Amino acid sequence: MNKLPLSRNPTIRTPTTLSESIALEPIREETTFRQENALVLFSSGQDSTTCLAWALTTFGSVETVGFYYGQRHDVELKCRDPLLSTLRNLNPEWSKRLGDDHVFDISVLAQLGDTGLTQDVEIKMEKNGLPNTFVPGRNLAFLVFSAALAYRRGIRHIIAGVCETDFSGYPDCRDNTIKAMQLALNLGMESNFVLHTPLMWLTKHETWKLSEQLGGKSLVNLVIEQTHTCYIGNRTEKHPWGYGCGTCPACDIRAKGFDAYINTA
């Protein structure tokens, strides 16, 4: 891990209400961020890889952050370095902009209770209507640690691949949750972070399409061959859309999105 330089901008205005925080988003599309840096929550999955490509196209410098939280599919961490290396080779401009990668151990999350994402148990729906793969506080913790890192690195823009279209219903992926977190992080760190969620209103089909728009078929092939989505951690069964068990909720959403993408191409 690199030594983290302390850096912050004391002149940045911090929003003090939820409405002010929401007013910061969405950022106007014509705004340019080529002179600014960003931090991407990168898990080696399809969504975070697409978000990383989006960030590399949008910002002048991009760093990545990932987490080990006791996930049963920790194979995603092994996909990390090869995936980043291939991304660099896809585009010389991306290679120039892609900076340091950071990985943190927050496995205490798995100690708080069993879930289908942290224990070898059957994946099923709970009485509250959420799948047992929901890890309470996971994405909230990701954002807190990412903002703490961004604060120390002098980074204002934080990108997360959450969405509330084709998703499993996790409440910490919803737009209102992200806006509330933006407010809390800015107040708690006296900063002016902007949480970007490029996929928030995209279907999985549209996420595949966005990958093609950002990096052509080469990026689509990288997503198929090198990203990992499967909750079970299966990297032996190959499908047209990539590797996975083919039956868990993550594989199901990814497969259906790929079918729609192929059939409308």
Protein backbone atom coordinates (compact mmCIF):
# COMPACT_ATOMS: atom_id res chain seq x y z
CA MET A 1 0.00 0.00 0.00
CA ASN A 2 1.33 3.44 -0.91
CA LYS A 3 1.71 6.08 1.75
CA LEU A 4 -1.35 8.30 1.60
CA PRO A 5 -0.63 12.02 1.34
CA LEU A 6 -2.97 14.27 3.28
CA SER A 7 -4.78 16.62 0.95
CA ARG A 8 -8.04 18.53 1.09
CA ASN A 9 -9.55 21.74 -0.18
CA PRO A 10 -10.86 23.86 2.70
CA THR A 11 -12.63 26.27 0.35
CA ILE A 12 -15.12 23.70 -0.95
CA ARG A 13 -18.72 24.36 0.09
CA THR A 14 -20.31 21.49 1.96
CA PRO A 15 -24.07 20.85 1.46
CA THR A 16 -25.94 21.01 4.76
CA THR A 17 -29.31 19.51 3.82
CA LEU A 18 -30.48 16.48 1.87
CA SER A 19 -32.06 18.73 -0.75
CA GLU A 20 -28.76 20.55 -1.26
CA SER A 21 -26.95 17.26 -1.60
CA ILE A 22 -29.48 15.98 -4.13
CA ALA A 23 -29.13 19.26 -6.04
CA LEU A 24 -25.48 18.38 -6.68
CA GLU A 25 -26.68 15.43 -8.77
CA PRO A 26 -26.97 14.70 -11.59
CA ILE A 27 -23.90 16.52 -12.86
CA ARG A 28 -24.56 18.36 -16.12
CA GLU A 29 -23.36 16.17 -18.96
CA GLU A 30 -21.46 18.97 -20.68
CA THR A 31 -19.30 19.55 -17.60
CA THR A 32 -15.75 18.39 -18.21
CA PHE A 33 -13.73 16.60 -15.55
CA ARG A 34 -10.55 16.05 -17.56
CA GLN A 35 -8.54 18.09 -15.08
CA GLU A 36 -9.92 16.22 -12.06
CA ASN A 37 -9.24 12.83 -10.51
CA ALA A 38 -11.62 10.12 -9.41
CA LEU A 39 -11.86 6.96 -7.32
CA VAL A 40 -13.80 3.94 -8.60
CA LEU A 41 -15.22 1.22 -6.34
CA PHE A 42 -13.87 -1.71 -8.34
CA SER A 43 -14.79 -5.31 -7.55
CA SER A 44 -13.72 -6.92 -10.86
CA GLY A 45 -17.39 -7.37 -11.74
CA GLN A 46 -19.20 -6.34 -14.89
CA ASP A 47 -20.73 -3.20 -13.42
CA SER A 48 -17.63 -1.84 -11.72
CA THR A 49 -15.51 -2.58 -14.80
CA THR A 50 -17.96 -0.65 -16.96
CA CYS A 51 -17.87 2.19 -14.45
CA LEU A 52 -14.08 2.15 -14.51
CA ALA A 53 -14.11 2.46 -18.30
CA TRP A 54 -16.58 5.34 -17.95
CA ALA A 55 -14.32 7.05 -15.41
CA LEU A 56 -11.23 6.58 -17.57
CA THR A 57 -13.11 8.23 -20.43
CA THR A 58 -14.35 11.08 -18.23
CA PHE A 59 -11.60 12.01 -15.75
CA GLY A 60 -7.95 12.91 -16.09
CA SER A 61 -6.72 10.49 -13.42
CA VAL A 62 -8.45 7.47 -11.91
CA GLU A 63 -7.66 5.26 -8.92
CA THR A 64 -9.47 2.10 -7.86
CA VAL A 65 -10.46 0.62 -4.52
CA GLY A 66 -11.72 -2.83 -3.60
CA PHE A 67 -12.58 -4.78 -0.47
CA TYR A 68 -12.24 -8.20 1.05
CA TYR A 69 -15.27 -8.65 3.30
CA GLY A 70 -15.35 -12.42 3.69
CA GLN A 71 -17.22 -12.90 0.42
CA ARG A 72 -17.60 -16.50 -0.74
CA HIS A 73 -16.73 -15.32 -4.25
CA ASP A 74 -13.35 -13.91 -3.23
CA VAL A 75 -12.07 -15.23 -6.55
CA GLU A 76 -13.01 -11.75 -7.76
CA LEU A 77 -9.90 -10.47 -5.99
CA LYS A 78 -7.74 -12.81 -8.08
CA CYS A 79 -9.30 -11.37 -11.23
CA ARG A 80 -8.32 -7.86 -10.23
CA ASP A 81 -4.73 -7.44 -11.40
CA PRO A 82 -5.10 -9.26 -14.75
CA LEU A 83 -8.25 -7.26 -15.50
CA LEU A 84 -6.59 -3.93 -14.76
CA SER A 85 -3.61 -4.93 -16.88
CA THR A 86 -5.84 -5.77 -19.84
CA LEU A 87 -7.71 -2.48 -19.45
CA ARG A 88 -4.43 -0.61 -19.70
CA ASN A 89 -3.61 -2.44 -22.91
CA LEU A 90 -6.99 -1.69 -24.49
CA ASN A 91 -6.46 2.03 -24.71
CA PRO A 92 -3.22 4.05 -24.39
CA GLU A 93 -5.12 7.01 -22.93
CA TRP A 94 -6.70 4.78 -20.30
CA SER A 95 -3.26 3.45 -19.45
CA LYS A 96 -2.01 6.98 -18.79
CA ARG A 97 -5.00 7.83 -16.60
CA LEU A 98 -5.24 4.63 -14.57
CA GLY A 99 -3.44 5.11 -11.28
CA ASP A 100 -3.04 3.25 -7.99
CA ASP A 101 -5.19 0.31 -6.94
CA HIS A 102 -6.09 -0.10 -3.25
CA VAL A 103 -7.56 -3.15 -1.50
CA PHE A 104 -8.75 -3.17 2.12
CA ASP A 105 -9.70 -5.98 4.48
CA ILE A 106 -13.05 -5.28 6.14
CA SER A 107 -13.90 -8.92 6.85
CA VAL A 108 -15.49 -7.88 10.12
CA LEU A 109 -18.68 -7.58 8.02
CA ALA A 110 -18.81 -11.37 7.72
CA GLN A 111 -18.53 -11.69 11.50
CA LEU A 112 -21.72 -9.73 12.09
CA GLY A 113 -23.97 -12.51 10.84
CA ASP A 114 -24.49 -15.15 8.18
CA THR A 115 -25.55 -14.18 4.67
CA GLY A 116 -25.71 -16.01 1.37
CA LEU A 117 -22.82 -13.88 0.16
CA THR A 118 -20.46 -14.64 3.04
CA GLN A 119 -21.41 -18.23 3.94
CA ASP A 120 -21.72 -21.45 1.94
CA VAL A 121 -25.51 -21.65 2.25
CA GLU A 122 -28.41 -21.90 -0.14
CA ILE A 123 -29.32 -18.60 -1.78
CA LYS A 124 -32.98 -17.85 -1.12
CA MET A 125 -35.47 -15.07 -0.44
CA GLU A 126 -36.04 -13.92 3.13
CA LYS A 127 -39.34 -12.96 4.77
CA ASN A 128 -38.51 -9.27 4.34
CA GLY A 129 -38.50 -9.68 0.56
CA LEU A 130 -34.73 -9.41 0.20
CA PRO A 131 -32.46 -12.26 -0.92
CA ASN A 132 -30.19 -13.67 1.78
CA THR A 133 -27.25 -12.43 -0.30
CA PHE A 134 -27.92 -8.96 1.11
CA VAL A 135 -25.06 -8.03 3.45
CA PRO A 136 -26.41 -5.28 5.74
CA GLY A 137 -24.24 -2.20 5.61
CA ARG A 138 -21.88 -3.54 2.94
CA ASN A 139 -22.24 -0.81 0.33
CA LEU A 140 -22.52 1.84 3.04
CA ALA A 141 -19.20 0.64 4.48
CA PHE A 142 -17.68 0.59 1.00
CA LEU A 143 -18.62 4.24 0.52
CA VAL A 144 -17.33 5.31 3.94
CA PHE A 145 -13.95 3.66 3.44
CA SER A 146 -13.76 4.92 -0.14
CA ALA A 147 -14.50 8.49 0.94
CA ALA A 148 -11.90 8.25 3.72
CA LEU A 149 -9.35 7.13 1.13
CA ALA A 150 -10.47 9.83 -1.32
CA TYR A 151 -10.09 12.46 1.42
CA ARG A 152 -6.49 11.47 1.97
CA ARG A 153 -5.75 11.23 -1.74
CA GLY A 154 -7.26 14.62 -2.55
CA ILE A 155 -10.00 13.06 -4.67
CA ARG A 156 -13.46 14.58 -4.95
CA HIS A 157 -15.25 12.24 -7.36
CA ILE A 158 -16.25 8.73 -6.26
CA ILE A 159 -17.84 6.30 -8.72
CA ALA A 160 -19.96 3.29 -7.74
CA GLY A 161 -21.62 0.72 -9.99
CA VAL A 162 -24.89 0.47 -8.08
CA CYS A 163 -28.26 0.61 -9.80
CA GLU A 164 -31.93 0.08 -9.01
CA THR A 165 -33.19 -1.27 -12.33
CA ASP A 166 -31.96 -4.83 -12.95
CA PHE A 167 -30.85 -5.53 -9.38
CA SER A 168 -31.56 -7.79 -6.42
CA GLY A 169 -33.46 -5.19 -4.44
CA TYR A 170 -30.64 -4.23 -2.09
CA PRO A 171 -31.68 -1.00 -0.32
CA ASP A 172 -28.08 0.27 -0.25
CA CYS A 173 -28.03 0.32 -4.05
CA ARG A 174 -30.94 2.74 -4.38
CA ASP A 175 -30.60 6.30 -5.64
CA ASN A 176 -32.02 7.85 -2.47
CA THR A 177 -29.52 5.91 -0.36
CA ILE A 178 -26.60 7.14 -2.45
CA LYS A 179 -27.78 10.75 -2.22
CA ALA A 180 -28.20 10.44 1.54
CA MET A 181 -24.70 8.97 1.81
CA GLN A 182 -23.30 11.83 -0.23
CA LEU A 183 -24.77 14.26 2.26
CA ALA A 184 -23.52 12.30 5.29
CA LEU A 185 -20.00 11.92 3.89
CA ASN A 186 -19.75 15.59 3.01
CA LEU A 187 -20.96 16.68 6.42
CA GLY A 188 -18.88 14.13 8.31
CA MET A 189 -15.67 14.93 6.45
CA GLU A 190 -16.36 18.60 5.69
CA SER A 191 -15.80 17.92 2.01
CA ASN A 192 -17.62 18.18 -1.27
CA PHE A 193 -17.55 14.64 -2.61
CA VAL A 194 -19.67 13.83 -5.61
CA LEU A 195 -20.93 10.25 -5.78
CA HIS A 196 -21.39 9.25 -9.42
CA THR A 197 -23.58 6.27 -10.31
CA PRO A 198 -23.44 5.95 -14.12
CA LEU A 199 -25.51 2.76 -14.12
CA MET A 200 -28.24 3.82 -11.70
CA TRP A 201 -31.04 3.91 -14.27
CA LEU A 202 -29.63 1.47 -16.84
CA THR A 203 -30.88 -2.05 -17.39
CA LYS A 204 -28.26 -4.80 -17.61
CA HIS A 205 -28.83 -4.85 -21.37
CA GLU A 206 -27.98 -1.14 -21.46
CA THR A 207 -24.89 -1.75 -19.31
CA TRP A 208 -23.59 -4.21 -21.91
CA LYS A 209 -24.34 -1.62 -24.58
CA LEU A 210 -22.51 1.08 -22.61
CA SER A 211 -19.42 -1.12 -22.45
CA GLU A 212 -19.42 -1.35 -26.22
CA GLN A 213 -19.88 2.41 -26.56
CA LEU A 214 -16.96 3.08 -24.24
CA GLY A 215 -14.46 0.50 -25.47
CA GLY A 216 -15.90 -1.29 -28.47
CA LYS A 217 -16.09 -5.06 -28.80
CA SER A 218 -12.70 -5.33 -27.10
CA LEU A 219 -14.17 -4.06 -23.84
CA VAL A 220 -17.22 -6.30 -24.22
CA ASN A 221 -14.92 -9.30 -24.70
CA LEU A 222 -12.91 -8.27 -21.64
CA VAL A 223 -16.12 -8.17 -19.60
CA ILE A 224 -17.04 -11.64 -20.85
CA GLU A 225 -13.64 -13.23 -20.32
CA GLN A 226 -12.17 -11.53 -17.27
CA THR A 227 -14.83 -10.00 -15.02
CA HIS A 228 -16.50 -11.97 -12.26
CA THR A 229 -20.14 -11.71 -11.18
CA CYS A 230 -21.19 -15.13 -9.85
CA TYR A 231 -22.10 -15.15 -6.14
CA ILE A 232 -20.95 -18.77 -5.83
CA GLY A 233 -17.49 -17.92 -7.13
CA ASN A 234 -17.64 -20.32 -10.08
CA ARG A 235 -14.84 -19.69 -12.60
CA THR A 236 -15.00 -23.08 -14.34
CA GLU A 237 -18.32 -22.97 -16.21
CA LYS A 238 -18.14 -20.77 -19.31
CA HIS A 239 -21.26 -19.20 -20.85
CA PRO A 240 -21.68 -16.77 -23.75
CA TRP A 241 -21.84 -13.94 -21.18
CA GLY A 242 -18.87 -15.10 -19.09
CA TYR A 243 -18.04 -17.43 -16.21
CA GLY A 244 -20.40 -18.44 -13.43
CA CYS A 245 -22.76 -21.03 -12.03
CA GLY A 246 -25.53 -19.76 -14.29
CA THR A 247 -28.24 -20.03 -11.62
CA CYS A 248 -27.50 -17.54 -8.82
CA PRO A 249 -29.27 -14.14 -8.99
CA ALA A 250 -26.13 -12.35 -10.22
CA CYS A 251 -25.60 -14.82 -13.07
CA ASP A 252 -29.28 -14.72 -13.97
CA ILE A 253 -29.36 -10.93 -14.27
CA ARG A 254 -26.12 -10.86 -16.25
CA ALA A 255 -27.26 -13.62 -18.63
CA LYS A 256 -30.64 -12.03 -19.34
CA GLY A 257 -29.01 -8.69 -19.98
CA PHE A 258 -26.52 -10.24 -22.37
CA ASP A 259 -29.28 -12.05 -24.28
CA ALA A 260 -31.15 -8.76 -24.71
CA TYR A 261 -27.93 -7.03 -25.79
CA ILE A 262 -27.13 -9.68 -28.41
CA ASN A 263 -30.67 -9.83 -29.75
CA THR A 264 -30.87 -6.05 -30.25
CA ALA A 265 -27.34 -5.49 -31.53
